[in-house]
Amino acid sequence: MRLVTYEPTPSRDRLGVLISDKVIDLALARDACEKDTRTDIPILPSNMMSFLNEGDTAIRAADTVTEWCQRQLKKIGKVSMTSSTLISHDLKKIRLRAPVPRPSKILCLALNYQAHAAEGGNPDLPEKPYVFIKPGIHPVVGPGDKVFKVPESENFIFEGELAVVIGKYCRHVPADKAYDVIIGYTIVNDMSARDLGKTIRPGMVDWFRVKAFDSSLPMGPCLTTKDEIEDPHNLSLVVRVNGQTTQDAFTSEMFHKIPQVIEFITHYITLDPGDIIATGTPGGSKDALKVGDKVEVEIEKIGALASVIAERPE
């Protein structure tokens, strides 16, 4: 499934599933599916965060409803509860939000691709995952949203990344059980005001000013569930700035793999449903952005995430 958070009307978030160019309201489709098939289906929440907290029960119910929606679309081209209640929307006519709009934690890996590390003058990759944390809510923006440039930054940089979405409360997860706690994957752009990082003293990085600002984590367009991605370490990752390719790599180049990263993180902290782990960026994120630039991150089997750089409002 490709799960989304969308706005059928302004400031009203709903949980949906993306099927081709249609967005289906999952909670409403569940009601229609149950009535049509005369089977009992657990109630589905109307928003992503509640859905993630429901765990495997919600996933199984969403799978059932999605399969029914696919049959309806193939049969009549829409999904509806009655002749007057349409619950399928044309993708172009609604606004997608970040699929996980309010994660409690955003954990990011630094120096997890050799080419990226070398560009920054770090030829040796860290022995253990090098993790930093962004605040959990205000950095997140959705597809097509503005990223507000930090005014004093003259080296404002994009970093296209594959992100893991956690689906269960977990701690002390061994690497061989890591995929059990993942619900799926999405795309993030780890925006960075890199030149603000070395302003404290030599040898210290000011991660707060570099990474934590509002709108610093565009996310989307969807959450692709793990059953759709057999191997997250075998995906193409491409970033384009104003239509020109700047990053072109494969997630196989990741140094610390996802199971080892989850084992490392959960040795120290508890992860919650909806937590995000950004797995690092490959080489090529080195040209400073200016106001008006459009950045697009595309990852195989997930889609494309576009953002526009804008002046920060006062």
Protein backbone atom coordinates (compact mmCIF):
# COMPACT_ATOMS: atom_id res chain seq x y z
CA MET A 1 0.00 0.00 0.00
CA ARG A 2 0.91 3.61 -0.53
CA LEU A 3 -0.58 5.43 2.44
CA VAL A 4 -1.02 9.20 2.42
CA THR A 5 -2.23 12.06 4.55
CA TYR A 6 -4.33 14.39 2.44
CA GLU A 7 -6.59 17.43 2.69
CA PRO A 8 -10.00 17.00 1.05
CA THR A 9 -10.70 20.53 2.30
CA PRO A 10 -8.27 23.08 3.82
CA SER A 11 -6.91 22.25 7.30
CA ARG A 12 -8.71 18.89 7.45
CA ASP A 13 -6.29 15.96 7.36
CA ARG A 14 -7.50 12.49 6.40
CA LEU A 15 -5.84 9.09 5.99
CA GLY A 16 -5.89 7.79 2.44
CA VAL A 17 -4.45 5.15 0.17
CA LEU A 18 -2.96 6.09 -3.19
CA ILE A 19 -4.03 3.81 -6.05
CA SER A 20 -2.70 4.99 -9.41
CA ASP A 21 -3.93 8.60 -9.70
CA LYS A 22 -6.71 8.22 -7.10
CA VAL A 23 -6.63 8.94 -3.38
CA ILE A 24 -9.15 6.84 -1.44
CA ASP A 25 -10.35 7.84 2.04
CA LEU A 26 -9.59 4.66 3.99
CA ALA A 27 -11.96 5.21 6.92
CA LEU A 28 -14.92 5.90 4.63
CA ALA A 29 -13.92 3.13 2.22
CA ARG A 30 -13.86 0.70 5.13
CA ASP A 31 -17.55 1.44 5.82
CA ALA A 32 -18.46 0.95 2.17
CA CYS A 33 -16.39 -2.23 1.92
CA GLU A 34 -18.00 -3.75 5.00
CA LYS A 35 -21.48 -2.99 3.69
CA ASP A 36 -20.74 -4.30 0.21
CA THR A 37 -18.98 -7.51 1.25
CA ARG A 38 -21.05 -8.14 4.40
CA THR A 39 -17.93 -8.90 6.40
CA ASP A 40 -16.79 -7.47 9.73
CA ILE A 41 -13.82 -5.14 9.30
CA PRO A 42 -12.19 -3.32 12.22
CA ILE A 43 -12.88 0.41 12.23
CA LEU A 44 -10.07 2.39 10.62
CA PRO A 45 -8.96 5.72 12.10
CA SER A 46 -9.34 8.80 9.94
CA ASN A 47 -5.78 10.06 10.51
CA MET A 48 -2.31 8.60 10.08
CA MET A 49 -1.02 8.92 13.63
CA SER A 50 -4.00 7.06 15.11
CA PHE A 51 -3.71 4.46 12.36
CA LEU A 52 -0.05 3.80 13.18
CA ASN A 53 -0.89 3.38 16.84
CA GLU A 54 -3.44 0.66 15.95
CA GLY A 55 -0.62 -1.57 14.68
CA ASP A 56 -1.08 -4.83 12.78
CA THR A 57 -4.87 -4.87 13.18
CA ALA A 58 -5.17 -1.62 11.25
CA ILE A 59 -2.70 -2.77 8.59
CA ARG A 60 -4.67 -5.95 7.92
CA ALA A 61 -7.94 -4.02 7.74
CA ALA A 62 -6.40 -1.45 5.40
CA ASP A 63 -5.10 -4.25 3.15
CA THR A 64 -8.61 -5.72 2.90
CA VAL A 65 -10.16 -2.34 2.14
CA THR A 66 -7.46 -1.46 -0.41
CA GLU A 67 -8.02 -4.71 -2.33
CA TRP A 68 -11.77 -3.96 -2.43
CA CYS A 69 -11.07 -0.40 -3.63
CA GLN A 70 -8.87 -1.73 -6.43
CA ARG A 71 -11.72 -3.95 -7.60
CA GLN A 72 -14.17 -1.03 -7.46
CA LEU A 73 -11.86 1.23 -9.46
CA LYS A 74 -11.36 -1.44 -12.09
CA LYS A 75 -15.09 -2.11 -12.27
CA ILE A 76 -16.67 1.38 -12.16
CA GLY A 77 -13.75 3.84 -12.03
CA LYS A 78 -14.56 5.24 -8.58
CA VAL A 79 -15.20 4.29 -4.98
CA SER A 80 -18.35 5.57 -3.32
CA MET A 81 -20.57 4.86 -0.31
CA THR A 82 -23.73 5.93 -2.10
CA SER A 83 -24.42 7.59 -5.42
CA SER A 84 -23.86 10.98 -3.77
CA THR A 85 -20.95 10.27 -1.42
CA LEU A 86 -17.69 10.08 -3.31
CA ILE A 87 -14.71 8.82 -1.34
CA SER A 88 -12.18 8.58 -4.17
CA HIS A 89 -10.42 11.79 -5.23
CA ASP A 90 -8.31 12.70 -8.22
CA LEU A 91 -4.75 13.14 -6.99
CA LYS A 92 -4.42 16.46 -8.82
CA LYS A 93 -7.47 17.90 -7.06
CA ILE A 94 -6.42 17.40 -3.44
CA ARG A 95 -3.43 18.47 -1.38
CA LEU A 96 -1.05 15.84 -0.04
CA ARG A 97 0.46 16.51 3.36
CA ALA A 98 3.51 14.81 4.83
CA PRO A 99 2.40 11.16 5.23
CA VAL A 100 3.46 11.17 8.90
CA PRO A 101 2.67 14.78 9.83
CA ARG A 102 3.46 14.68 13.56
CA PRO A 103 6.25 12.19 14.36
CA SER A 104 7.35 12.17 17.98
CA LYS A 105 10.99 11.75 16.97
CA ILE A 106 13.07 12.30 13.84
CA LEU A 107 16.43 10.54 13.96
CA CYS A 108 18.92 11.21 11.19
CA LEU A 109 22.15 9.53 10.16
CA ALA A 110 25.20 11.59 9.29
CA LEU A 111 28.07 10.28 7.18
CA ASN A 112 26.33 7.08 6.08
CA TYR A 113 27.43 7.18 2.41
CA GLN A 114 31.11 7.14 1.45
CA ALA A 115 30.78 9.72 -1.35
CA HIS A 116 28.94 12.20 0.87
CA ALA A 117 31.47 11.80 3.67
CA ALA A 118 34.38 12.32 1.26
CA GLU A 119 32.81 15.53 -0.09
CA GLY A 120 32.86 16.90 3.45
CA GLY A 121 36.48 15.96 4.04
CA ASN A 122 35.71 12.80 6.03
CA PRO A 123 37.31 9.87 4.18
CA ASP A 124 36.74 7.47 7.09
CA LEU A 125 33.14 6.51 7.88
CA PRO A 126 32.14 6.26 11.56
CA GLU A 127 32.48 2.84 13.15
CA LYS A 128 28.99 3.12 14.63
CA PRO A 129 25.93 4.96 13.28
CA TYR A 130 26.34 8.71 13.73
CA VAL A 131 22.88 9.87 14.80
CA PHE A 132 21.45 13.32 15.43
CA ILE A 133 17.87 14.34 16.24
CA LYS A 134 15.54 16.91 14.71
CA PRO A 135 12.50 18.19 16.65
CA GLY A 136 9.46 16.02 16.06
CA ILE A 137 6.81 18.25 14.49
CA HIS A 138 7.65 21.69 13.10
CA PRO A 139 10.47 20.64 10.74
CA VAL A 140 8.00 18.44 8.80
CA VAL A 141 6.37 19.82 5.64
CA GLY A 142 4.65 18.01 2.80
CA PRO A 143 4.93 17.62 -0.97
CA GLY A 144 5.02 20.94 -2.80
CA ASP A 145 5.31 22.94 0.42
CA LYS A 146 7.77 25.77 0.91
CA VAL A 147 11.08 25.29 2.68
CA PHE A 148 12.01 28.53 4.42
CA LYS A 149 15.65 29.40 3.99
CA VAL A 150 17.54 30.37 7.13
CA PRO A 151 18.31 34.03 6.30
CA GLU A 152 21.92 34.10 7.50
CA SER A 153 22.89 30.86 5.75
CA GLU A 154 24.94 31.15 2.57
CA ASN A 155 25.32 27.39 2.15
CA PHE A 156 21.73 26.15 2.30
CA ILE A 157 21.80 22.55 1.07
CA PHE A 158 19.44 19.71 0.12
CA GLU A 159 20.01 16.07 1.16
CA GLY A 160 17.72 13.48 -0.44
CA GLU A 161 17.22 10.43 1.78
CA LEU A 162 15.29 7.21 2.24
CA ALA A 163 13.42 7.29 5.55
CA VAL A 164 12.23 4.38 7.68
CA VAL A 165 8.83 4.70 9.39
CA ILE A 166 8.52 2.80 12.66
CA GLY A 167 5.27 0.89 13.19
CA LYS A 168 5.56 -0.44 16.76
CA TYR A 169 6.66 0.62 20.20
CA CYS A 170 10.07 -0.99 20.57
CA ARG A 171 13.32 -1.05 22.48
CA HIS A 172 16.33 -3.39 22.45
CA VAL A 173 15.54 -4.66 18.95
CA PRO A 174 18.16 -7.08 17.61
CA ALA A 175 19.17 -6.56 14.00
CA ASP A 176 17.51 -9.78 12.86
CA LYS A 177 14.15 -8.53 14.19
CA ALA A 178 14.42 -4.96 12.91
CA TYR A 179 12.04 -5.35 9.97
CA ASP A 180 9.34 -6.52 12.39
CA VAL A 181 9.08 -2.99 13.84
CA ILE A 182 9.04 -1.17 10.49
CA ILE A 183 5.74 -0.31 8.83
CA GLY A 184 7.28 1.13 5.68
CA TYR A 185 9.35 3.80 3.99
CA THR A 186 9.05 7.35 2.73
CA ILE A 187 11.23 10.09 1.24
CA VAL A 188 12.71 13.00 3.17
CA ASN A 189 14.87 15.93 2.21
CA ASP A 190 17.14 16.70 5.16
CA MET A 191 17.61 20.43 4.57
CA SER A 192 20.75 21.88 6.09
CA ALA A 193 22.21 25.30 6.79
CA ARG A 194 25.70 23.83 6.65
CA ASP A 195 27.72 27.00 7.06
CA LEU A 196 26.18 27.60 10.50
CA GLY A 197 27.60 24.37 11.86
CA LYS A 198 31.12 25.39 12.81
CA THR A 199 30.46 28.68 14.54
CA ILE A 200 30.91 27.57 18.16
CA ARG A 201 34.54 26.43 18.32
CA PRO A 202 36.84 24.16 16.28
CA GLY A 203 35.85 20.52 16.46
CA MET A 204 32.26 21.21 17.52
CA VAL A 205 29.22 21.12 15.21
CA ASP A 206 26.18 23.27 15.96
CA TRP A 207 23.64 20.65 14.88
CA PHE A 208 20.77 22.75 16.25
CA ARG A 209 21.27 25.65 13.84
CA VAL A 210 22.28 23.42 10.95
CA LYS A 211 19.40 20.95 11.08
CA ALA A 212 16.57 21.81 13.50
CA PHE A 213 14.88 24.84 11.89
CA ASP A 214 11.20 24.88 10.93
CA SER A 215 10.46 23.32 7.50
CA SER A 216 13.82 21.51 7.49
CA LEU A 217 12.31 18.09 6.69
CA PRO A 218 10.09 17.86 3.60
CA MET A 219 8.47 14.39 3.59
CA GLY A 220 6.34 12.43 1.12
CA PRO A 221 4.60 11.83 -1.11
CA CYS A 222 3.47 8.61 0.60
CA LEU A 223 4.35 5.92 3.08
CA THR A 224 5.00 2.76 1.06
CA THR A 225 4.42 -0.26 3.28
CA LYS A 226 7.29 -2.70 3.67
CA ASP A 227 5.54 -5.50 1.77
CA GLU A 228 5.88 -3.35 -1.38
CA ILE A 229 9.66 -2.98 -0.98
CA GLU A 230 11.46 -6.30 -0.83
CA ASP A 231 14.88 -4.78 -0.19
CA PRO A 232 15.19 -1.15 0.97
CA HIS A 233 18.91 -1.36 0.19
CA ASN A 234 18.27 -1.80 -3.52
CA LEU A 235 16.48 1.40 -4.55
CA SER A 236 17.52 4.17 -6.90
CA LEU A 237 17.71 7.65 -5.36
CA VAL A 238 17.81 10.73 -7.58
CA VAL A 239 17.71 14.43 -6.68
CA ARG A 240 17.10 17.19 -9.20
CA VAL A 241 17.47 20.92 -8.63
CA ASN A 242 15.58 23.03 -11.18
CA GLY A 243 15.43 19.95 -13.39
CA GLN A 244 19.17 19.19 -13.27
CA THR A 245 20.29 15.93 -11.67
CA THR A 246 22.57 16.55 -8.68
CA GLN A 247 22.38 13.23 -6.79
CA ASP A 248 22.11 9.87 -8.54
CA ALA A 249 22.82 6.83 -6.39
CA PHE A 250 21.49 3.58 -4.94
CA THR A 251 20.59 2.82 -1.35
CA SER A 252 22.91 -0.18 -1.60
CA GLU A 253 25.70 2.36 -1.01
CA MET A 254 24.45 2.89 2.55
CA PHE A 255 27.25 2.05 4.99
CA HIS A 256 25.32 1.23 8.17
CA LYS A 257 22.33 -0.83 7.02
CA ILE A 258 18.83 -0.36 8.41
CA PRO A 259 18.74 -3.42 10.76
CA GLN A 260 22.02 -2.40 12.40
CA VAL A 261 20.84 1.21 12.72
CA ILE A 262 17.63 0.17 14.47
CA GLU A 263 19.54 -2.15 16.79
CA PHE A 264 21.91 0.71 17.66
CA ILE A 265 19.19 3.31 18.26
CA THR A 266 16.93 1.06 20.32
CA HIS A 267 19.82 0.13 22.58
CA TYR A 268 19.51 3.67 23.94
CA ILE A 269 15.94 4.89 23.40
CA THR A 270 12.40 3.62 22.88
CA LEU A 271 10.92 4.14 19.44
CA ASP A 272 7.23 4.91 18.94
CA PRO A 273 4.87 4.30 16.01
CA GLY A 274 5.42 7.04 13.46
CA ASP A 275 9.02 7.77 14.43
CA ILE A 276 11.21 8.58 11.45
CA ILE A 277 14.76 7.37 10.78
CA ALA A 278 16.43 9.22 7.91
CA THR A 279 19.16 6.92 6.63
CA GLY A 280 21.65 9.44 5.24
CA THR A 281 22.35 11.06 1.92
CA PRO A 282 24.66 9.98 -0.92
CA GLY A 283 27.17 12.20 -2.69
CA GLY A 284 26.18 15.22 -4.73
CA SER A 285 24.53 17.48 -2.15
CA LYS A 286 27.03 20.30 -2.42
CA ASP A 287 25.56 23.20 -4.39
CA ALA A 288 23.93 25.95 -2.30
CA LEU A 289 20.27 26.68 -2.93
CA LYS A 290 18.70 30.09 -3.42
CA VAL A 291 15.18 31.38 -2.98
CA GLY A 292 12.97 30.14 -5.84
CA ASP A 293 14.87 26.91 -6.47
CA LYS A 294 12.82 23.72 -6.84
CA VAL A 295 14.23 20.51 -5.37
CA GLU A 296 12.82 17.10 -6.28
CA VAL A 297 13.82 13.86 -4.57
CA GLU A 298 12.76 10.65 -6.27
CA ILE A 299 13.13 7.14 -4.84
CA GLU A 300 12.11 3.99 -6.63
CA LYS A 301 8.81 2.41 -5.44
CA ILE A 302 7.90 5.46 -3.35
CA GLY A 303 7.59 8.38 -5.75
CA ALA A 304 8.86 11.94 -5.99
CA LEU A 305 8.94 14.69 -3.38
CA ALA A 306 9.13 18.30 -4.60
CA SER A 307 9.88 21.40 -2.50
CA VAL A 308 10.36 25.09 -3.27
CA ILE A 309 12.89 27.26 -1.43
CA ALA A 310 11.32 30.47 -0.07
CA GLU A 311 12.23 33.45 2.06
CA ARG A 312 11.39 32.96 5.70
CA PRO A 313 8.53 35.19 6.81
CA GLU A 314 9.24 37.50 9.69
